[in-house]
Amino acid sequence: MLDPLPTYQTRIHALDAGRADVRIHFENLPLDVEVRGRLMGPRCPGVTTVEVAYRLAPLAAASGIYQVLIPEPNFWAPEHPFRYEGPVEFWRNGELQGRLTISLGLRSA
């Protein structure tokens, strides 16, 4: 098992009504560890939505940077707190090393 699990930072690289480009940077990620994950959504309490899974794709895997592209995102607002969340797993030599959950809302400044 990875001890500790990699820490991460999320950054919204680009965001408009047509697309969200989210970057996730996993810090202290060993080079021999494969990252598998997805964000699912949108989810919002009291609102029925069709959830879609958006896969994490390596952007610069050697530096621990992954990208999630979400077409036509739902924005987070206090009255409708839409969120995207999902599992991320860390694999080494075909064995699961650890798991965490990422959750985020998309909001323009």
Protein backbone atom coordinates (compact mmCIF):
# COMPACT_ATOMS: atom_id res chain seq x y z
CA MET A 1 0.00 0.00 0.00
CA LEU A 2 1.09 3.57 -0.66
CA ASP A 3 1.78 5.29 2.61
CA PRO A 4 0.96 8.07 2.53
CA LEU A 5 -1.42 8.40 -0.41
CA PRO A 6 -0.44 11.12 -2.88
CA THR A 7 -1.78 14.55 -2.05
CA TYR A 8 -3.44 16.46 -4.86
CA GLN A 9 -4.50 19.88 -6.06
CA THR A 10 -7.31 20.57 -8.50
CA ARG A 11 -7.23 23.54 -10.82
CA ILE A 12 -9.80 24.69 -13.32
CA HIS A 13 -7.69 25.33 -16.38
CA ALA A 14 -10.58 26.55 -18.58
CA LEU A 15 -14.28 26.92 -17.92
CA ASP A 16 -17.22 28.12 -19.99
CA ALA A 17 -20.72 26.88 -20.81
CA GLY A 18 -19.32 24.54 -23.47
CA ARG A 19 -16.52 22.83 -21.57
CA ALA A 20 -14.65 22.49 -18.30
CA ASP A 21 -10.97 21.57 -18.40
CA VAL A 22 -9.96 20.40 -14.92
CA ARG A 23 -6.34 19.59 -14.06
CA ILE A 24 -5.45 17.40 -11.11
CA HIS A 25 -1.86 17.40 -9.91
CA PHE A 26 -0.90 14.45 -7.73
CA GLU A 27 2.10 15.39 -5.62
CA ASN A 28 4.61 12.86 -4.29
CA LEU A 29 3.33 10.28 -6.81
CA PRO A 30 5.90 7.52 -7.39
CA LEU A 31 6.82 7.10 -11.06
CA ASP A 32 5.88 3.40 -11.08
CA VAL A 33 2.31 4.03 -9.89
CA GLU A 34 -0.57 4.06 -12.38
CA VAL A 35 -3.49 6.41 -11.71
CA ARG A 36 -7.00 5.28 -12.67
CA GLY A 37 -10.06 7.36 -11.99
CA ARG A 38 -13.06 9.34 -13.05
CA LEU A 39 -15.29 12.17 -12.00
CA MET A 40 -19.02 11.55 -12.21
CA GLY A 41 -21.79 14.07 -12.32
CA PRO A 42 -23.34 16.42 -12.16
CA ARG A 43 -24.86 15.70 -8.74
CA CYS A 44 -27.06 18.14 -6.87
CA PRO A 45 -29.34 17.52 -3.88
CA GLY A 46 -32.99 17.77 -4.91
CA VAL A 47 -32.22 17.90 -8.64
CA THR A 48 -32.56 14.94 -11.00
CA THR A 49 -29.67 14.74 -13.43
CA VAL A 50 -28.19 12.26 -15.84
CA GLU A 51 -24.77 11.41 -14.44
CA VAL A 52 -21.89 10.78 -16.78
CA ALA A 53 -18.43 9.45 -15.93
CA TYR A 54 -15.50 11.57 -17.14
CA ARG A 55 -12.17 9.72 -17.14
CA LEU A 56 -8.91 11.10 -15.80
CA ALA A 57 -6.38 11.18 -18.63
CA PRO A 58 -2.65 11.64 -18.15
CA LEU A 59 -1.57 15.05 -19.39
CA ALA A 60 1.96 14.90 -18.06
CA ALA A 61 1.97 11.60 -16.17
CA ALA A 62 5.67 11.82 -15.36
CA SER A 63 4.90 14.99 -13.39
CA GLY A 64 1.64 13.66 -11.92
CA ILE A 65 -0.70 15.93 -13.92
CA TYR A 66 -4.01 14.52 -15.14
CA GLN A 67 -6.87 16.13 -17.06
CA VAL A 68 -10.64 15.73 -16.96
CA LEU A 69 -12.73 17.28 -19.75
CA ILE A 70 -16.41 17.87 -18.98
CA PRO A 71 -18.59 19.05 -21.89
CA GLU A 72 -21.48 21.38 -21.06
CA PRO A 73 -20.78 21.46 -17.30
CA ASN A 74 -23.29 22.40 -14.64
CA PHE A 75 -21.98 25.23 -12.51
CA TRP A 76 -21.97 25.25 -8.72
CA ALA A 77 -24.15 27.96 -7.11
CA PRO A 78 -25.50 28.24 -3.55
CA GLU A 79 -29.06 27.53 -4.72
CA HIS A 80 -27.91 24.61 -6.95
CA PRO A 81 -24.65 23.17 -5.61
CA PHE A 82 -23.76 20.91 -8.55
CA ARG A 83 -20.72 18.72 -7.89
CA TYR A 84 -18.59 16.26 -9.77
CA GLU A 85 -16.98 13.50 -7.75
CA GLY A 86 -15.45 10.12 -8.14
CA PRO A 87 -12.88 7.55 -7.16
CA VAL A 88 -9.19 7.65 -7.97
CA GLU A 89 -7.14 4.50 -7.57
CA PHE A 90 -3.39 4.01 -7.44
CA TRP A 91 -2.01 0.77 -8.93
CA ARG A 92 1.47 -0.74 -8.89
CA ASN A 93 2.39 -4.02 -10.63
CA GLY A 94 -1.28 -4.95 -11.07
CA GLU A 95 -2.12 -4.45 -7.39
CA LEU A 96 -4.32 -1.75 -5.90
CA GLN A 97 -2.18 0.45 -3.64
CA GLY A 98 -4.78 2.93 -2.42
CA ARG A 99 -7.90 4.86 -3.22
CA LEU A 100 -9.27 8.34 -2.62
CA THR A 101 -12.34 10.34 -3.66
CA ILE A 102 -12.18 13.70 -5.41
CA SER A 103 -15.15 16.07 -5.22
CA LEU A 104 -15.39 19.51 -6.78
CA GLY A 105 -17.80 22.18 -7.89
CA LEU A 106 -17.27 24.25 -11.02
CA ARG A 107 -17.72 27.96 -10.55
CA SER A 108 -16.56 30.91 -12.58
CA ALA A 109 -14.92 33.83 -10.82
